[in-house]
Amino acid sequence: MLGIVHRAAVRDALAGVIYPITDMYDVPLMVARGYATLSFLYSAAEYIDDLDVPTYIYHLGDFDPSGVNVGEKIEETLRELAPDAKIYFERIAGTPGQITEWNLPTPPTKASDTRSKGFGNISVDLDAINPNALRALVQETIEQHLPPDQFAVLKAAEQSEREVITAWWAGSHRDPRHRKLNLGGQHGRRTSEEARSQSRYQREGRRGNNSDR
């Protein structure tokens, strides 16, 4: 399974948004910078050819004339370079349905784009999608390929990690050393005031003793 992200301007930031998800499931994430070079696609095709199972490629890109065409060209070229591979290609982010479902902003399609003829009047940038929604979409897409038993194991491990972190966090706040740190400022102020009062008392006592002499 491959995840391919295309975004001309903010590609690195968007890859960083979903990388924690793809990394958690050991799914390769490939970032296509504009129109993917032949060497980039050749490397991907080599990887696909080495697999003995069907390959599912999920594309995330801008919904505009060039963004859609990029996905089409990636799919077309990969099928040419790996003709014997069983490839399933699907665009999962930057789709017309998401425009309505997520109420995405729709700037007008750029007339300067040579592919704009017949595309329509609205476009959507991939970075307009809420990062949490994007991560959830990628995670849901990956998890549909997991065997039920493996999925259950992963979910149990994830829950266990959460419980360990929660227990550690709660325990650290019950630790007397942490309470001392948390209260140190207030306690320190009281101690300083007491010290100053005691110092004044001692000075006044010494002056009284001297006057008695």
N, C-alpha and C. Protein backbone atom coordinates (compact mmCIF):
# COMPACT_ATOMS: atom_id res chain seq x y z
N MET A 1 0.84 -1.18 0.00
CA MET A 1 0.00 0.00 0.00
C MET A 1 0.88 1.24 0.00
N LEU A 2 0.54 2.22 -0.79
CA LEU A 2 1.28 3.47 -0.86
C LEU A 2 0.34 4.63 -0.61
N GLY A 3 0.87 5.68 0.01
CA GLY A 3 0.14 6.93 0.13
C GLY A 3 0.91 7.98 -0.64
N ILE A 4 0.28 8.65 -1.57
CA ILE A 4 0.96 9.66 -2.37
C ILE A 4 0.30 11.01 -2.11
N VAL A 5 1.11 11.97 -1.67
CA VAL A 5 0.61 13.31 -1.41
C VAL A 5 1.14 14.24 -2.49
N HIS A 6 0.27 15.00 -3.08
CA HIS A 6 0.72 16.02 -4.04
C HIS A 6 0.23 17.38 -3.56
N ARG A 7 1.17 18.29 -3.46
CA ARG A 7 0.80 19.68 -3.14
C ARG A 7 1.98 20.55 -3.53
N ALA A 8 1.75 21.49 -4.39
CA ALA A 8 2.86 22.26 -4.94
C ALA A 8 3.52 23.16 -3.90
N ALA A 9 2.73 23.81 -3.04
CA ALA A 9 3.30 24.83 -2.17
C ALA A 9 3.61 24.34 -0.76
N VAL A 10 2.72 23.54 -0.16
CA VAL A 10 2.90 23.17 1.25
C VAL A 10 3.06 21.66 1.41
N ARG A 11 3.69 21.02 0.45
CA ARG A 11 3.80 19.57 0.43
C ARG A 11 4.46 19.01 1.69
N ASP A 12 5.56 19.67 2.14
CA ASP A 12 6.29 19.14 3.28
C ASP A 12 5.45 19.20 4.55
N ALA A 13 4.73 20.31 4.74
CA ALA A 13 3.89 20.47 5.92
C ALA A 13 2.78 19.42 5.93
N LEU A 14 2.15 19.18 4.78
CA LEU A 14 1.06 18.21 4.72
C LEU A 14 1.57 16.79 4.91
N ALA A 15 2.75 16.50 4.37
CA ALA A 15 3.33 15.18 4.59
C ALA A 15 3.56 14.97 6.07
N GLY A 16 3.99 16.03 6.77
CA GLY A 16 4.20 15.94 8.21
C GLY A 16 2.92 15.70 8.98
N VAL A 17 1.80 16.18 8.45
CA VAL A 17 0.50 15.99 9.11
C VAL A 17 0.12 14.52 9.16
N ILE A 18 0.30 13.81 8.04
CA ILE A 18 -0.18 12.42 7.99
C ILE A 18 0.93 11.39 8.21
N TYR A 19 2.19 11.83 8.20
CA TYR A 19 3.27 10.87 8.38
C TYR A 19 3.16 10.06 9.67
N PRO A 20 2.78 10.66 10.82
CA PRO A 20 2.66 9.85 12.03
C PRO A 20 1.69 8.67 11.88
N ILE A 21 0.67 8.85 11.04
CA ILE A 21 -0.30 7.76 10.82
C ILE A 21 0.29 6.69 9.91
N THR A 22 0.85 7.11 8.78
CA THR A 22 1.41 6.11 7.86
C THR A 22 2.59 5.39 8.50
N ASP A 23 3.36 6.10 9.30
CA ASP A 23 4.51 5.48 9.97
C ASP A 23 4.04 4.45 11.00
N MET A 24 2.97 4.76 11.71
CA MET A 24 2.45 3.86 12.74
C MET A 24 2.06 2.51 12.13
N TYR A 25 1.54 2.54 10.90
CA TYR A 25 1.11 1.31 10.23
C TYR A 25 2.14 0.80 9.22
N ASP A 26 3.31 1.43 9.19
CA ASP A 26 4.39 1.02 8.30
C ASP A 26 3.94 1.07 6.83
N VAL A 27 3.25 2.13 6.48
CA VAL A 27 2.78 2.33 5.10
C VAL A 27 3.68 3.38 4.44
N PRO A 28 4.27 3.08 3.29
CA PRO A 28 5.12 4.06 2.62
C PRO A 28 4.34 5.31 2.23
N LEU A 29 4.93 6.46 2.49
CA LEU A 29 4.34 7.74 2.10
C LEU A 29 5.28 8.40 1.09
N MET A 30 4.75 8.69 -0.07
CA MET A 30 5.57 9.29 -1.13
C MET A 30 5.01 10.65 -1.48
N VAL A 31 5.89 11.64 -1.52
CA VAL A 31 5.48 13.02 -1.79
C VAL A 31 5.85 13.39 -3.23
N ALA A 32 4.84 13.64 -4.05
CA ALA A 32 5.06 14.03 -5.44
C ALA A 32 5.11 15.54 -5.51
N ARG A 33 6.23 16.07 -5.95
CA ARG A 33 6.41 17.52 -6.02
C ARG A 33 5.99 18.01 -7.41
N GLY A 34 4.78 18.56 -7.48
CA GLY A 34 4.25 18.96 -8.78
C GLY A 34 4.02 17.72 -9.64
N TYR A 35 4.32 17.84 -10.91
CA TYR A 35 4.22 16.67 -11.78
C TYR A 35 5.42 15.77 -11.50
N ALA A 36 5.12 14.56 -11.05
CA ALA A 36 6.19 13.66 -10.60
C ALA A 36 7.16 13.36 -11.74
N THR A 37 8.43 13.34 -11.39
CA THR A 37 9.45 13.01 -12.38
C THR A 37 9.39 11.53 -12.71
N LEU A 38 9.94 11.17 -13.85
CA LEU A 38 9.96 9.77 -14.27
C LEU A 38 10.78 8.93 -13.30
N SER A 39 11.86 9.50 -12.76
CA SER A 39 12.70 8.75 -11.82
C SER A 39 11.93 8.45 -10.53
N PHE A 40 11.13 9.41 -10.09
CA PHE A 40 10.30 9.21 -8.89
C PHE A 40 9.31 8.06 -9.12
N LEU A 41 8.62 8.10 -10.25
CA LEU A 41 7.63 7.07 -10.54
C LEU A 41 8.29 5.73 -10.84
N TYR A 42 9.46 5.76 -11.43
CA TYR A 42 10.18 4.51 -11.71
C TYR A 42 10.55 3.82 -10.39
N SER A 43 10.99 4.59 -9.40
CA SER A 43 11.31 4.02 -8.09
C SER A 43 10.07 3.41 -7.45
N ALA A 44 8.95 4.12 -7.57
CA ALA A 44 7.70 3.61 -7.02
C ALA A 44 7.27 2.33 -7.73
N ALA A 45 7.43 2.31 -9.06
CA ALA A 45 7.06 1.13 -9.84
C ALA A 45 7.93 -0.06 -9.49
N GLU A 46 9.21 0.17 -9.25
CA GLU A 46 10.11 -0.91 -8.83
C GLU A 46 9.65 -1.51 -7.51
N TYR A 47 9.28 -0.63 -6.58
CA TYR A 47 8.80 -1.08 -5.28
C TYR A 47 7.53 -1.93 -5.45
N ILE A 48 6.63 -1.46 -6.30
CA ILE A 48 5.37 -2.18 -6.53
C ILE A 48 5.64 -3.54 -7.18
N ASP A 49 6.56 -3.57 -8.13
CA ASP A 49 6.87 -4.82 -8.83
C ASP A 49 7.44 -5.89 -7.91
N ASP A 50 8.13 -5.45 -6.85
CA ASP A 50 8.74 -6.39 -5.92
C ASP A 50 7.72 -7.02 -4.97
N LEU A 51 6.52 -6.49 -4.94
CA LEU A 51 5.49 -7.02 -4.04
C LEU A 51 4.79 -8.20 -4.68
N ASP A 52 4.39 -9.15 -3.84
CA ASP A 52 3.66 -10.30 -4.37
C ASP A 52 2.18 -10.22 -3.98
N VAL A 53 1.74 -9.01 -3.66
CA VAL A 53 0.32 -8.77 -3.32
C VAL A 53 -0.16 -7.56 -4.10
N PRO A 54 -1.46 -7.38 -4.23
CA PRO A 54 -1.98 -6.19 -4.91
C PRO A 54 -1.53 -4.91 -4.20
N THR A 55 -1.38 -3.85 -4.95
CA THR A 55 -0.95 -2.57 -4.40
C THR A 55 -2.11 -1.57 -4.43
N TYR A 56 -2.35 -0.98 -3.29
CA TYR A 56 -3.38 0.05 -3.18
C TYR A 56 -2.69 1.40 -3.02
N ILE A 57 -2.97 2.30 -3.94
CA ILE A 57 -2.35 3.62 -3.92
C ILE A 57 -3.44 4.66 -3.65
N TYR A 58 -3.23 5.45 -2.60
CA TYR A 58 -4.20 6.47 -2.23
C TYR A 58 -3.58 7.85 -2.44
N HIS A 59 -4.26 8.63 -3.24
CA HIS A 59 -3.72 9.94 -3.65
C HIS A 59 -4.44 11.06 -2.91
N LEU A 60 -3.66 12.00 -2.41
CA LEU A 60 -4.19 13.19 -1.76
C LEU A 60 -3.65 14.40 -2.51
N GLY A 61 -4.53 15.23 -3.03
CA GLY A 61 -4.07 16.37 -3.81
C GLY A 61 -5.08 17.48 -3.92
N ASP A 62 -4.67 18.59 -4.46
CA ASP A 62 -5.57 19.72 -4.67
C ASP A 62 -6.67 19.33 -5.66
N PHE A 63 -7.85 19.88 -5.41
CA PHE A 63 -8.93 19.71 -6.38
C PHE A 63 -8.94 20.93 -7.29
N ASP A 64 -8.10 20.86 -8.29
CA ASP A 64 -8.05 21.88 -9.34
C ASP A 64 -7.59 21.17 -10.62
N PRO A 65 -7.61 21.82 -11.75
CA PRO A 65 -7.28 21.13 -13.01
C PRO A 65 -5.95 20.42 -12.98
N SER A 66 -4.91 21.08 -12.51
CA SER A 66 -3.59 20.45 -12.49
C SER A 66 -3.50 19.38 -11.41
N GLY A 67 -4.10 19.65 -10.23
CA GLY A 67 -4.04 18.69 -9.14
C GLY A 67 -4.70 17.37 -9.50
N VAL A 68 -5.84 17.43 -10.17
CA VAL A 68 -6.53 16.21 -10.60
C VAL A 68 -5.74 15.51 -11.70
N ASN A 69 -5.21 16.29 -12.62
CA ASN A 69 -4.44 15.72 -13.72
C ASN A 69 -3.17 15.04 -13.24
N VAL A 70 -2.56 15.59 -12.19
CA VAL A 70 -1.37 14.97 -11.62
C VAL A 70 -1.66 13.54 -11.17
N GLY A 71 -2.78 13.38 -10.46
CA GLY A 71 -3.15 12.04 -10.01
C GLY A 71 -3.37 11.09 -11.17
N GLU A 72 -4.04 11.57 -12.19
CA GLU A 72 -4.29 10.73 -13.37
C GLU A 72 -2.99 10.31 -14.05
N LYS A 73 -2.05 11.25 -14.13
CA LYS A 73 -0.76 10.94 -14.76
C LYS A 73 0.06 9.95 -13.92
N ILE A 74 -0.01 10.10 -12.60
CA ILE A 74 0.71 9.16 -11.72
C ILE A 74 0.17 7.75 -11.93
N GLU A 75 -1.16 7.63 -11.92
CA GLU A 75 -1.76 6.30 -12.09
C GLU A 75 -1.40 5.72 -13.46
N GLU A 76 -1.53 6.51 -14.48
CA GLU A 76 -1.25 6.05 -15.85
C GLU A 76 0.21 5.59 -16.00
N THR A 77 1.14 6.37 -15.47
CA THR A 77 2.56 6.05 -15.62
C THR A 77 2.94 4.82 -14.82
N LEU A 78 2.40 4.70 -13.61
CA LEU A 78 2.72 3.53 -12.79
C LEU A 78 2.21 2.24 -13.44
N ARG A 79 1.06 2.31 -14.06
CA ARG A 79 0.54 1.12 -14.74
C ARG A 79 1.41 0.76 -15.96
N GLU A 80 1.96 1.77 -16.60
CA GLU A 80 2.84 1.51 -17.74
C GLU A 80 4.18 0.91 -17.28
N LEU A 81 4.71 1.42 -16.17
CA LEU A 81 6.02 0.97 -15.69
C LEU A 81 5.95 -0.37 -14.94
N ALA A 82 4.77 -0.69 -14.42
CA ALA A 82 4.60 -1.97 -13.72
C ALA A 82 3.38 -2.68 -14.30
N PRO A 83 3.46 -3.11 -15.56
CA PRO A 83 2.28 -3.65 -16.26
C PRO A 83 1.74 -4.94 -15.65
N ASP A 84 2.58 -5.70 -14.98
CA ASP A 84 2.14 -6.97 -14.42
C ASP A 84 1.60 -6.85 -13.00
N ALA A 85 1.76 -5.69 -12.40
CA ALA A 85 1.29 -5.50 -11.03
C ALA A 85 -0.20 -5.22 -11.00
N LYS A 86 -0.82 -5.68 -9.92
CA LYS A 86 -2.24 -5.41 -9.72
C LYS A 86 -2.34 -4.14 -8.88
N ILE A 87 -2.76 -3.05 -9.51
CA ILE A 87 -2.76 -1.74 -8.86
C ILE A 87 -4.18 -1.21 -8.74
N TYR A 88 -4.49 -0.77 -7.52
CA TYR A 88 -5.75 -0.07 -7.26
C TYR A 88 -5.40 1.37 -6.89
N PHE A 89 -5.92 2.31 -7.64
CA PHE A 89 -5.58 3.72 -7.43
C PHE A 89 -6.85 4.48 -7.07
N GLU A 90 -6.78 5.25 -5.99
CA GLU A 90 -7.97 6.00 -5.56
C GLU A 90 -7.55 7.35 -4.98
N ARG A 91 -8.28 8.35 -5.35
CA ARG A 91 -8.07 9.69 -4.78
C ARG A 91 -8.96 9.81 -3.54
N ILE A 92 -8.36 10.02 -2.38
CA ILE A 92 -9.16 10.03 -1.14
C ILE A 92 -9.27 11.41 -0.50
N ALA A 93 -8.43 12.35 -0.89
CA ALA A 93 -8.51 13.69 -0.30
C ALA A 93 -8.43 14.73 -1.40
N GLY A 94 -9.32 15.72 -1.29
CA GLY A 94 -9.45 16.70 -2.35
C GLY A 94 -10.46 16.21 -3.37
N THR A 95 -11.65 15.83 -2.89
CA THR A 95 -12.70 15.30 -3.76
C THR A 95 -13.91 16.23 -3.75
N PRO A 96 -14.75 16.18 -4.80
CA PRO A 96 -15.95 17.03 -4.82
C PRO A 96 -16.87 16.79 -3.62
N GLY A 97 -16.99 15.53 -3.20
CA GLY A 97 -17.86 15.22 -2.07
C GLY A 97 -17.41 15.90 -0.79
N GLN A 98 -16.11 16.00 -0.59
CA GLN A 98 -15.58 16.63 0.62
C GLN A 98 -15.83 18.13 0.65
N ILE A 99 -15.96 18.74 -0.52
CA ILE A 99 -16.24 20.17 -0.58
C ILE A 99 -17.53 20.47 0.17
N THR A 100 -18.55 19.66 -0.08
CA THR A 100 -19.84 19.86 0.57
C THR A 100 -19.82 19.34 2.00
N GLU A 101 -19.29 18.15 2.19
CA GLU A 101 -19.31 17.50 3.52
C GLU A 101 -18.56 18.32 4.56
N TRP A 102 -17.43 18.87 4.18
CA TRP A 102 -16.58 19.60 5.14
C TRP A 102 -16.67 21.11 4.95
N ASN A 103 -17.56 21.55 4.07
CA ASN A 103 -17.76 22.99 3.85
C ASN A 103 -16.42 23.69 3.57
N LEU A 104 -15.70 23.16 2.61
CA LEU A 104 -14.36 23.68 2.31
C LEU A 104 -14.44 24.97 1.49
N PRO A 105 -13.51 25.88 1.71
CA PRO A 105 -13.47 27.10 0.89
C PRO A 105 -13.18 26.76 -0.56
N THR A 106 -13.84 27.46 -1.46
CA THR A 106 -13.72 27.12 -2.88
C THR A 106 -13.36 28.36 -3.70
N PRO A 107 -12.07 28.67 -3.75
CA PRO A 107 -11.66 29.79 -4.62
C PRO A 107 -11.93 29.45 -6.08
N PRO A 108 -12.12 30.45 -6.90
CA PRO A 108 -12.40 30.17 -8.32
C PRO A 108 -11.20 29.50 -9.00
N THR A 109 -11.52 28.64 -9.94
CA THR A 109 -10.47 27.96 -10.70
C THR A 109 -9.66 29.00 -11.48
N LYS A 110 -8.34 28.83 -11.44
CA LYS A 110 -7.47 29.79 -12.13
C LYS A 110 -7.61 29.65 -13.64
N ALA A 111 -7.95 30.76 -14.26
CA ALA A 111 -8.08 30.75 -15.72
C ALA A 111 -6.73 30.56 -16.40
N SER A 112 -5.66 30.88 -15.66
CA SER A 112 -4.32 30.74 -16.23
C SER A 112 -3.89 29.28 -16.36
N ASP A 113 -4.60 28.38 -15.67
CA ASP A 113 -4.28 26.95 -15.76
C ASP A 113 -4.74 26.44 -17.13
N THR A 114 -3.83 25.94 -17.91
CA THR A 114 -4.15 25.52 -19.28
C THR A 114 -5.13 24.34 -19.30
N ARG A 115 -5.30 23.67 -18.17
CA ARG A 115 -6.21 22.52 -18.10
C ARG A 115 -7.58 22.89 -17.53
N SER A 116 -7.83 24.18 -17.38
CA SER A 116 -9.06 24.62 -16.71
C SER A 116 -10.31 24.48 -17.58
N LYS A 117 -10.14 24.38 -18.88
CA LYS A 117 -11.29 24.29 -19.77
C LYS A 117 -12.12 23.04 -19.44
N GLY A 118 -13.39 23.26 -19.14
CA GLY A 118 -14.29 22.16 -18.85
C GLY A 118 -14.18 21.62 -17.44
N PHE A 119 -13.30 22.21 -16.61
CA PHE A 119 -13.13 21.67 -15.25
C PHE A 119 -14.23 22.13 -14.30
N GLY A 120 -14.64 23.35 -14.44
CA GLY A 120 -15.60 23.91 -13.48
C GLY A 120 -15.05 25.20 -12.89
N ASN A 121 -15.91 25.87 -12.11
CA ASN A 121 -15.55 27.20 -11.62
C ASN A 121 -14.90 27.21 -10.23
N ILE A 122 -14.92 26.08 -9.53
CA ILE A 122 -14.39 26.08 -8.16
C ILE A 122 -13.25 25.09 -8.03
N SER A 123 -12.35 25.42 -7.11
CA SER A 123 -11.23 24.55 -6.80
C SER A 123 -11.08 24.50 -5.28
N VAL A 124 -10.28 23.55 -4.80
CA VAL A 124 -10.03 23.42 -3.36
C VAL A 124 -8.58 23.06 -3.14
N ASP A 125 -7.94 23.79 -2.21
CA ASP A 125 -6.57 23.45 -1.83
C ASP A 125 -6.60 22.34 -0.79
N LEU A 126 -5.67 21.42 -0.91
CA LEU A 126 -5.60 20.30 0.04
C LEU A 126 -5.39 20.80 1.47
N ASP A 127 -4.63 21.88 1.63
CA ASP A 127 -4.35 22.37 2.98
C ASP A 127 -5.55 23.07 3.61
N ALA A 128 -6.69 23.17 2.87
CA ALA A 128 -7.91 23.71 3.47
C ALA A 128 -8.61 22.68 4.34
N ILE A 129 -8.23 21.41 4.19
CA ILE A 129 -8.83 20.34 4.99
C ILE A 129 -8.23 20.36 6.39
N ASN A 130 -9.08 20.26 7.39
CA ASN A 130 -8.63 20.23 8.79
C ASN A 130 -7.63 19.09 8.99
N PRO A 131 -6.47 19.36 9.58
CA PRO A 131 -5.46 18.32 9.75
C PRO A 131 -5.97 17.09 10.49
N ASN A 132 -6.82 17.29 11.50
CA ASN A 132 -7.37 16.14 12.24
C ASN A 132 -8.25 15.28 11.34
N ALA A 133 -9.03 15.94 10.49
CA ALA A 133 -9.89 15.21 9.56
C ALA A 133 -9.03 14.45 8.55
N LEU A 134 -7.94 15.06 8.13
CA LEU A 134 -7.05 14.42 7.16
C LEU A 134 -6.40 13.18 7.78
N ARG A 135 -5.93 13.31 9.02
CA ARG A 135 -5.32 12.15 9.70
C ARG A 135 -6.34 11.03 9.90
N ALA A 136 -7.55 11.41 10.31
CA ALA A 136 -8.59 10.40 10.53
C ALA A 136 -8.93 9.68 9.23
N LEU A 137 -8.97 10.43 8.14
CA LEU A 137 -9.26 9.85 6.82
C LEU A 137 -8.20 8.83 6.44
N VAL A 138 -6.94 9.20 6.60
CA VAL A 138 -5.84 8.29 6.25
C VAL A 138 -5.85 7.06 7.15
N GLN A 139 -6.09 7.26 8.43
CA GLN A 139 -6.11 6.12 9.35
C GLN A 139 -7.25 5.16 9.02
N GLU A 140 -8.41 5.70 8.75
CA GLU A 140 -9.56 4.86 8.39
C GLU A 140 -9.30 4.09 7.10
N THR A 141 -8.66 4.74 6.14
CA THR A 141 -8.35 4.10 4.86
C THR A 141 -7.38 2.93 5.05
N ILE A 142 -6.38 3.14 5.89
CA ILE A 142 -5.40 2.07 6.13
C ILE A 142 -6.02 0.92 6.90
N GLU A 143 -6.81 1.25 7.91
CA GLU A 143 -7.34 0.21 8.80
C GLU A 143 -8.31 -0.72 8.09
N GLN A 144 -8.91 -0.28 6.98
CA GLN A 144 -9.84 -1.17 6.28
C GLN A 144 -9.11 -2.35 5.63
N HIS A 145 -7.77 -2.25 5.53
CA HIS A 145 -6.99 -3.35 4.94
C HIS A 145 -6.42 -4.30 5.99
N LEU A 146 -6.58 -3.98 7.26
CA LEU A 146 -6.00 -4.83 8.30
C LEU A 146 -6.90 -6.02 8.59
N PRO A 147 -6.30 -7.22 8.75
CA PRO A 147 -7.08 -8.36 9.20
C PRO A 147 -7.68 -8.06 10.57
N PRO A 148 -8.89 -8.55 10.85
CA PRO A 148 -9.55 -8.21 12.12
C PRO A 148 -8.70 -8.51 13.35
N ASP A 149 -7.98 -9.67 13.34
CA ASP A 149 -7.19 -10.01 14.52
C ASP A 149 -6.02 -9.06 14.68
N GLN A 150 -5.37 -8.68 13.57
CA GLN A 150 -4.25 -7.75 13.64
C GLN A 150 -4.73 -6.37 14.06
N PHE A 151 -5.89 -5.98 13.56
CA PHE A 151 -6.46 -4.69 13.92
C PHE A 151 -6.74 -4.63 15.42
N ALA A 152 -7.27 -5.73 15.96
CA ALA A 152 -7.58 -5.79 17.40
C ALA A 152 -6.30 -5.68 18.23
N VAL A 153 -5.24 -6.35 17.78
CA VAL A 153 -3.96 -6.29 18.49
C VAL A 153 -3.41 -4.88 18.50
N LEU A 154 -3.45 -4.21 17.35
CA LEU A 154 -2.95 -2.84 17.26
C LEU A 154 -3.75 -1.89 18.13
N LYS A 155 -5.08 -2.06 18.15
CA LYS A 155 -5.91 -1.20 18.97
C LYS A 155 -5.63 -1.43 20.46
N ALA A 156 -5.42 -2.70 20.84
CA ALA A 156 -5.11 -3.01 22.23
C ALA A 156 -3.78 -2.40 22.64
N ALA A 157 -2.80 -2.48 21.75
CA ALA A 157 -1.48 -1.90 22.03
C ALA A 157 -1.59 -0.38 22.17
N GLU A 158 -2.38 0.22 21.29
CA GLU A 158 -2.57 1.67 21.34
C GLU A 158 -3.23 2.09 22.64
N GLN A 159 -4.25 1.33 23.07
CA GLN A 159 -4.94 1.63 24.33
C GLN A 159 -4.01 1.45 25.51
N SER A 160 -3.20 0.39 25.47
CA SER A 160 -2.25 0.14 26.54
C SER A 160 -1.24 1.29 26.68
N GLU A 161 -0.76 1.79 25.54
CA GLU A 161 0.18 2.91 25.57
C GLU A 161 -0.47 4.15 26.17
N ARG A 162 -1.73 4.37 25.82
CA ARG A 162 -2.44 5.53 26.38
C ARG A 162 -2.57 5.41 27.89
N GLU A 163 -2.90 4.19 28.36
CA GLU A 163 -3.07 3.97 29.79
C GLU A 163 -1.76 4.16 30.54
N VAL A 164 -0.66 3.70 29.94
CA VAL A 164 0.65 3.86 30.59
C VAL A 164 1.00 5.34 30.71
N ILE A 165 0.77 6.09 29.63
CA ILE A 165 1.07 7.52 29.64
C ILE A 165 0.19 8.25 30.65
N THR A 166 -1.11 7.89 30.69
CA THR A 166 -2.03 8.52 31.63
C THR A 166 -1.63 8.22 33.07
N ALA A 167 -1.28 6.95 33.34
CA ALA A 167 -0.87 6.57 34.70
C ALA A 167 0.40 7.30 35.11
N TRP A 168 1.35 7.40 34.17
CA TRP A 168 2.60 8.11 34.48
C TRP A 168 2.34 9.57 34.78
N TRP A 169 1.46 10.18 33.97
CA TRP A 169 1.16 11.60 34.16
C TRP A 169 0.49 11.84 35.51
N ALA A 170 -0.49 10.97 35.84
CA ALA A 170 -1.18 11.13 37.11
C ALA A 170 -0.23 10.87 38.28
N GLY A 171 0.62 9.85 38.15
CA GLY A 171 1.57 9.53 39.20
C GLY A 171 2.59 10.62 39.43
N SER A 172 3.02 11.25 38.36
CA SER A 172 4.03 12.31 38.49
C SER A 172 3.47 13.49 39.26
N HIS A 173 2.15 13.72 39.17
CA HIS A 173 1.56 14.84 39.88
C HIS A 173 1.24 14.49 41.33
N ARG A 174 1.21 13.20 41.65
CA ARG A 174 1.02 12.81 43.04
C ARG A 174 2.34 12.71 43.79
N ASP A 175 3.43 12.68 43.07
CA ASP A 175 4.76 12.56 43.67
C ASP A 175 5.03 13.78 44.55
N PRO A 176 5.40 13.57 45.85
CA PRO A 176 5.66 14.70 46.76
C PRO A 176 6.68 15.67 46.20
N ARG A 177 7.65 15.15 45.45
CA ARG A 177 8.65 16.06 44.89
C ARG A 177 8.02 17.05 43.94
N HIS A 178 7.00 16.56 43.17
CA HIS A 178 6.32 17.46 42.24
C HIS A 178 5.44 18.44 42.99
N ARG A 179 4.81 17.97 44.09
CA ARG A 179 3.99 18.88 44.88
C ARG A 179 4.85 19.99 45.47
N LYS A 180 6.05 19.59 45.89
CA LYS A 180 6.96 20.58 46.44
C LYS A 180 7.33 21.61 45.39
N LEU A 181 7.52 21.12 44.14
CA LEU A 181 7.83 22.03 43.06
C LEU A 181 6.66 22.96 42.77
N ASN A 182 5.44 22.37 42.76
CA ASN A 182 4.28 23.17 42.44
C ASN A 182 3.99 24.22 43.50
N LEU A 183 4.26 23.89 44.77
CA LEU A 183 3.96 24.80 45.85
C LEU A 183 5.16 25.62 46.26
N GLY A 184 6.26 25.37 45.59
CA GLY A 184 7.51 25.98 46.03
C GLY A 184 7.46 27.49 46.03
N GLY A 185 6.81 28.08 45.02
CA GLY A 185 6.78 29.52 44.95
C GLY A 185 6.08 30.13 46.14
N GLN A 186 4.86 29.60 46.47
CA GLN A 186 4.10 30.12 47.58
C GLN A 186 4.80 29.86 48.90
N HIS A 187 5.29 28.61 49.05
CA HIS A 187 5.99 28.25 50.27
C HIS A 187 7.24 29.10 50.43
N GLY A 188 7.91 29.34 49.29
CA GLY A 188 9.13 30.14 49.34
C GLY A 188 8.85 31.56 49.80
N ARG A 189 7.70 32.12 49.37
CA ARG A 189 7.38 33.48 49.78
C ARG A 189 7.12 33.55 51.27
N ARG A 190 6.40 32.54 51.80
CA ARG A 190 6.13 32.55 53.23
C ARG A 190 7.42 32.44 54.02
N THR A 191 8.31 31.57 53.54
CA THR A 191 9.57 31.38 54.23
C THR A 191 10.39 32.65 54.23
N SER A 192 10.40 33.36 53.12
CA SER A 192 11.16 34.60 53.04
C SER A 192 10.59 35.65 53.97
N GLU A 193 9.26 35.75 54.04
CA GLU A 193 8.64 36.72 54.93
C GLU A 193 8.95 36.41 56.38
N GLU A 194 8.89 35.10 56.71
CA GLU A 194 9.21 34.73 58.08
C GLU A 194 10.65 35.05 58.41
N ALA A 195 11.53 34.82 57.43
CA ALA A 195 12.95 35.09 57.67
C ALA A 195 13.18 36.57 57.89
N ARG A 196 12.49 37.42 57.09
CA ARG A 196 12.66 38.86 57.25
C ARG A 196 12.13 39.32 58.60
N SER A 197 10.96 38.77 59.02
CA SER A 197 10.40 39.15 60.32
C SER A 197 11.33 38.75 61.45
N GLN A 198 11.87 37.53 61.33
CA GLN A 198 12.79 37.06 62.36
C GLN A 198 14.04 37.93 62.41
N SER A 199 14.53 38.35 61.22
CA SER A 199 15.71 39.19 61.17
C SER A 199 15.44 40.54 61.83
N ARG A 200 14.27 41.15 61.55
CA ARG A 200 13.93 42.42 62.18
C ARG A 200 13.83 42.28 63.70
N TYR A 201 13.22 41.17 64.10
CA TYR A 201 13.06 40.93 65.53
C TYR A 201 14.41 40.83 66.22
N GLN A 202 15.35 40.13 65.55
CA GLN A 202 16.67 39.97 66.14
C GLN A 202 17.40 41.31 66.21
N ARG A 203 17.26 42.16 65.13
CA ARG A 203 17.93 43.45 65.14
C ARG A 203 17.38 44.35 66.23
N GLU A 204 16.03 44.36 66.36
CA GLU A 204 15.41 45.18 67.40
C GLU A 204 15.81 44.70 68.78
N GLY A 205 15.94 43.38 68.92
CA GLY A 205 16.35 42.83 70.22
C GLY A 205 17.75 43.26 70.57
N ARG A 206 18.64 43.26 69.54
CA ARG A 206 20.02 43.67 69.82
C ARG A 206 20.09 45.15 70.18
N ARG A 207 19.27 46.01 69.47
CA ARG A 207 19.27 47.42 69.80
C ARG A 207 18.74 47.65 71.21
N GLY A 208 17.72 46.87 71.62
CA GLY A 208 17.19 46.99 73.00
C GLY A 208 18.21 46.62 74.03
N ASN A 209 18.98 45.59 73.76
CA ASN A 209 19.99 45.16 74.72
C ASN A 209 21.09 46.20 74.84
N ASN A 210 21.45 46.83 73.69
CA ASN A 210 22.49 47.83 73.73
C ASN A 210 22.05 49.06 74.51
N SER A 211 20.77 49.46 74.38
CA SER A 211 20.31 50.64 75.08
C SER A 211 20.22 50.40 76.57
N ASP A 212 19.97 49.13 76.99
CA ASP A 212 19.91 48.82 78.41
C ASP A 212 21.26 48.97 79.07
N ARG A 213 22.30 48.78 78.25
CA ARG A 213 23.63 48.93 78.81
C ARG A 213 23.91 50.40 79.03
